[in-house]
Amino acid sequence: MSTITKKGQVTIPKPFRDQFHIKEGDSLHFEVKDNMLILRRNDRRSLLDLGGIAKGRKKGQGSEREYTKRIVARNIAHEGR
């Protein structure tokens, strides 16, 4: 059982947070269905989901750290010309 605060906030009990893998910073979606309030955790997105939006970057190739190292090294090499 939880109580709503003056600000309209409610604490989700730890057993439910653990069961549904709800963590700090997660985005939650509220829905009403048949006089019930339904709470859904939005899927977390990875930085890898953004792959392909930048010029020359293809989704799923290597780790982001390795990719960043290659780009920085390439930019340094181009500046030295």
Protein backbone atom coordinates (compact mmCIF):
# COMPACT_ATOMS: atom_id res chain seq x y z
CA MET A 1 0.00 0.00 0.00
CA SER A 2 1.20 3.52 -0.83
CA THR A 3 -0.02 7.01 0.02
CA ILE A 4 -0.09 9.90 -2.42
CA THR A 5 1.95 12.97 -1.36
CA LYS A 6 0.86 16.62 -1.62
CA LYS A 7 2.68 16.76 -4.97
CA GLY A 8 0.70 13.78 -6.31
CA GLN A 9 3.65 11.42 -6.04
CA VAL A 10 3.40 7.80 -5.00
CA THR A 11 6.09 5.27 -4.08
CA ILE A 12 6.07 2.00 -5.97
CA PRO A 13 6.82 -0.71 -3.40
CA LYS A 14 10.24 -2.35 -3.78
CA PRO A 15 8.91 -5.87 -4.53
CA PHE A 16 7.04 -4.47 -7.56
CA ARG A 17 10.03 -2.37 -8.67
CA ASP A 18 12.21 -5.47 -8.50
CA GLN A 19 9.67 -7.73 -10.21
CA PHE A 20 9.16 -5.32 -13.12
CA HIS A 21 12.78 -4.05 -13.23
CA ILE A 22 11.75 -0.43 -12.60
CA LYS A 23 14.77 1.73 -11.84
CA GLU A 24 15.44 5.40 -11.10
CA GLY A 25 15.09 7.46 -14.25
CA ASP A 26 12.79 4.98 -16.02
CA SER A 27 9.92 6.45 -17.99
CA LEU A 28 6.47 5.21 -16.97
CA HIS A 29 3.22 5.33 -18.91
CA PHE A 30 -0.20 5.57 -17.25
CA GLU A 31 -3.29 4.14 -18.90
CA VAL A 32 -6.91 3.80 -17.79
CA LYS A 33 -8.77 0.62 -18.72
CA ASP A 34 -12.08 -0.61 -17.32
CA ASN A 35 -11.91 1.74 -14.32
CA MET A 36 -8.34 0.61 -13.49
CA LEU A 37 -5.13 2.59 -13.60
CA ILE A 38 -2.44 0.65 -15.46
CA LEU A 39 1.22 1.55 -15.09
CA ARG A 40 3.66 0.47 -17.80
CA ARG A 41 7.43 0.88 -17.93
CA ASN A 42 8.51 2.23 -21.30
CA ASP A 43 11.28 0.24 -22.94
CA ARG A 44 14.74 1.55 -22.23
CA ARG A 45 16.64 2.66 -25.27
CA SER A 46 20.30 2.08 -25.85
CA LEU A 47 22.73 4.49 -27.47
CA LEU A 48 23.08 1.78 -30.10
CA ASP A 49 19.45 2.49 -31.12
CA LEU A 50 20.71 5.83 -32.42
CA GLY A 51 23.19 4.11 -34.74
CA GLY A 52 22.88 5.19 -38.34
CA ILE A 53 21.62 8.71 -37.67
CA ALA A 54 25.11 10.19 -37.94
CA LYS A 55 26.97 10.37 -41.23
CA GLY A 56 29.21 7.37 -41.79
CA ARG A 57 28.01 5.40 -38.76
CA LYS A 58 26.34 2.05 -39.28
CA LYS A 59 24.18 0.43 -36.64
CA GLY A 60 25.69 -2.40 -34.62
CA GLN A 61 29.36 -2.09 -35.58
CA GLY A 62 31.63 -2.43 -32.55
CA SER A 63 31.29 -0.74 -29.21
CA GLU A 64 30.53 2.96 -28.91
CA ARG A 65 33.85 3.49 -27.09
CA GLU A 66 35.88 1.90 -29.88
CA TYR A 67 33.92 3.83 -32.50
CA THR A 68 34.60 7.11 -30.66
CA LYS A 69 38.32 6.30 -30.42
CA ARG A 70 38.48 5.68 -34.19
CA ILE A 71 36.66 8.92 -35.01
CA VAL A 72 38.86 10.99 -32.68
CA ALA A 73 42.03 9.39 -34.14
CA ARG A 74 40.78 10.05 -37.69
CA ASN A 75 39.96 13.68 -36.87
CA ILE A 76 43.40 14.20 -35.32
CA ALA A 77 45.03 12.68 -38.43
CA HIS A 78 43.04 14.99 -40.72
CA GLU A 79 44.03 18.05 -38.65
CA GLY A 80 47.71 17.11 -39.03
CA ARG A 81 47.57 17.34 -42.82
